[in-house]
Protein backbone atom coordinates (compact mmCIF):
# COMPACT_ATOMS: atom_id res chain seq x y z
CA MET A 1 271.12 269.28 135.75
CA GLN A 2 268.60 267.64 133.34
CA THR A 3 271.22 267.51 130.61
CA ALA A 4 273.44 265.55 132.91
CA LEU A 5 270.76 263.17 133.86
CA VAL A 6 269.83 262.48 130.48
CA PHE A 7 273.54 261.87 129.55
CA TRP A 8 273.80 259.48 132.54
CA GLN A 9 270.72 257.52 131.23
CA GLN A 10 271.57 257.39 127.64
CA ARG A 11 275.02 256.04 128.33
CA ASN A 12 273.71 253.76 131.07
CA ILE A 13 276.29 254.90 133.41
CA GLY A 14 274.19 253.72 136.61
CA GLY A 15 273.63 250.29 135.06
CA THR A 16 277.49 250.18 134.40
CA ILE A 17 278.01 250.94 138.23
CA ASP A 18 275.41 248.57 139.38
CA ALA A 19 276.95 245.88 137.26
CA LEU A 20 280.53 246.50 138.71
CA ALA A 21 279.13 246.71 142.33
CA GLY A 22 277.58 243.26 141.87
CA ARG A 23 280.91 241.92 141.04
CA ALA A 24 282.68 243.65 144.24
CA THR A 25 284.99 245.51 142.19
CA ASP A 26 287.27 248.30 143.79
CA VAL A 27 286.69 252.11 143.50
CA SER A 28 289.49 252.40 140.92
CA THR A 29 287.84 249.76 138.46
CA THR A 30 284.51 251.65 138.69
CA ASN A 31 286.14 254.97 138.21
CA LYS A 32 287.95 253.63 135.07
CA ALA A 33 284.77 252.25 133.59
CA VAL A 34 282.80 255.56 134.05
CA THR A 35 285.69 257.70 132.87
CA LYS A 36 285.70 255.69 129.53
CA ILE A 37 281.99 256.34 129.22
CA VAL A 38 282.14 260.01 130.02
CA ASN A 39 285.49 260.93 128.33
CA GLY A 40 285.82 258.24 125.75
CA GLY A 41 289.03 257.23 127.07
CA THR A 42 291.33 257.31 130.00
CA ASN A 43 293.39 260.48 129.73
CA GLY A 44 294.23 261.64 133.24
CA LEU A 45 292.71 258.74 134.90
CA ALA A 46 295.88 257.78 136.89
CA ASP A 47 295.95 261.27 138.42
CA ARG A 48 292.30 261.10 139.32
CA LEU A 49 292.66 257.65 140.89
CA SER A 50 295.89 258.76 142.82
CA ARG A 51 293.86 261.80 144.42
CA LEU A 52 290.78 259.77 144.92
CA GLU A 53 292.85 256.91 146.85
CA LYS A 54 294.31 259.77 149.05
CA LEU A 55 290.98 261.12 149.92
CA LEU A 56 289.55 257.59 150.49
CA ALA A 57 292.38 256.97 152.88
CA LEU A 58 290.77 259.54 155.24
CA SER A 59 287.75 258.12 157.29
CA PHE A 60 285.71 261.04 156.62
CA PHE A 61 285.83 260.44 152.82
CA ARG A 62 285.05 256.60 153.15
CA LYS A 63 281.75 257.64 154.70
CA CYS A 64 281.21 260.00 151.79
CA GLU A 65 281.93 257.22 149.44
CA GLU A 66 279.17 255.20 151.11
CA ALA A 67 276.84 258.14 150.93
CA ALA A 68 277.77 258.53 147.09
CA ASN A 69 276.69 255.07 146.36
CA LYS A 70 273.37 255.50 147.85
CA THR A 71 272.94 258.87 146.08
CA ILE A 72 273.81 256.98 142.80
CA ALA A 73 271.19 254.40 143.62
CA PHE A 74 268.66 257.22 144.35
CA ILE A 75 269.70 258.98 140.99
CA ASN A 76 269.12 255.78 139.12
CA TYR A 77 265.86 255.34 140.60
CA LEU A 78 264.62 258.94 139.62
CA LEU A 79 265.86 258.23 136.16
CA ARG A 80 263.52 255.23 135.96
CA VAL A 81 260.51 257.16 137.41
CA ILE A 82 260.83 260.66 135.90
CA VAL A 83 262.81 260.26 132.53
């Protein structure tokens, strides 16, 4: 877990997500940006986006997306405080 948090911070993934959220981009744009940071490219992105869109079509998963955004904000806060 600590390794993942350090990776997240060193690559400024939270900052990227925050910047994109400020521009009201869609989920696929954010997913593509994070995928490039984590994987160094977009191999398999189309498949992941397709699966994500199917999940988000369900009301339950829209609520999960909202919760995930709050979780990301919390993780960014923790990184600023403890790392």
